[in-house]
Protein backbone atom coordinates (compact mmCIF):
# COMPACT_ATOMS: atom_id res chain seq x y z
CA UNK A 1 -6.82 -14.56 -8.11
CA UNK A 2 -5.83 -15.12 -11.73
CA UNK A 3 -7.65 -13.20 -14.45
CA UNK A 4 -7.74 -14.61 -17.97
CA UNK A 5 -5.63 -12.73 -20.52
CA UNK A 6 -8.72 -11.40 -22.31
CA UNK A 7 -9.97 -9.83 -19.07
CA UNK A 8 -6.60 -8.24 -18.34
CA UNK A 9 -6.37 -6.84 -21.85
CA UNK A 10 -9.91 -5.50 -21.54
CA UNK A 11 -9.02 -3.64 -18.33
CA UNK A 12 -6.02 -1.96 -19.96
CA UNK A 13 -8.00 -1.18 -23.11
CA UNK A 14 -10.88 0.47 -21.24
CA UNK A 15 -8.60 2.51 -19.01
CA UNK A 16 -6.50 3.57 -22.00
CA UNK A 17 -9.59 4.87 -23.77
CA UNK A 18 -10.71 6.70 -20.62
CA UNK A 19 -7.25 8.27 -20.43
CA UNK A 20 -7.93 10.10 -23.70
CA UNK A 21 -11.48 11.15 -22.75
CA UNK A 22 -10.36 14.73 -22.09
CA UNK A 23 -8.65 14.96 -25.49
CA UNK A 24 -5.07 14.65 -24.27
CA UNK A 25 -2.79 12.07 -22.72
CA UNK A 26 -0.39 13.15 -19.98
CA UNK A 27 2.94 11.41 -19.41
CA UNK A 28 1.82 10.60 -15.87
CA UNK A 29 -1.25 8.80 -17.24
CA UNK A 30 0.90 6.72 -19.57
CA UNK A 31 3.16 5.87 -16.64
CA UNK A 32 0.19 4.61 -14.64
CA UNK A 33 -0.97 2.50 -17.59
CA UNK A 34 2.52 1.03 -17.98
CA UNK A 35 2.59 0.17 -14.28
CA UNK A 36 -0.79 -1.49 -14.61
CA UNK A 37 0.48 -3.47 -17.59
CA UNK A 38 3.41 -4.63 -15.49
CA UNK A 39 1.13 -5.75 -12.65
CA UNK A 40 -1.17 -7.54 -15.10
CA UNK A 41 1.75 -9.10 -17.01
CA UNK A 42 0.87 -7.38 -20.29
CA UNK A 43 3.40 -5.90 -22.69
CA UNK A 44 3.27 -2.09 -22.66
CA UNK A 45 3.08 -2.09 -26.45
CA UNK A 46 -0.57 -3.09 -26.06
CA UNK A 47 -1.30 0.12 -24.12
CA UNK A 48 0.66 2.10 -26.72
CA UNK A 49 -1.44 0.58 -29.50
CA UNK A 50 -4.74 1.30 -27.75
CA UNK A 51 -3.70 4.87 -26.93
CA UNK A 52 -2.66 5.42 -30.54
CA UNK A 53 -5.99 4.07 -31.79
CA UNK A 54 -7.92 6.22 -29.30
CA UNK A 55 -6.36 9.37 -30.72
CA UNK A 56 -7.32 8.58 -34.31
CA UNK A 57 -10.44 10.17 -35.81
CA UNK A 58 -13.41 7.90 -36.36
CA UNK A 59 -14.49 7.60 -39.99
């Protein structure tokens, strides 16, 4: 099965946000996200960007 890029990005985005739900991001969680990016053929910089954005305060 082939998922469209938008769907793959959405999966990584949602899981990245959930990763920060407890207020911290563990190295093991980042590793899992990077592995998922690899499986989904997405650059890990996307996960880095989403994680960075998730940790920023909302105005």
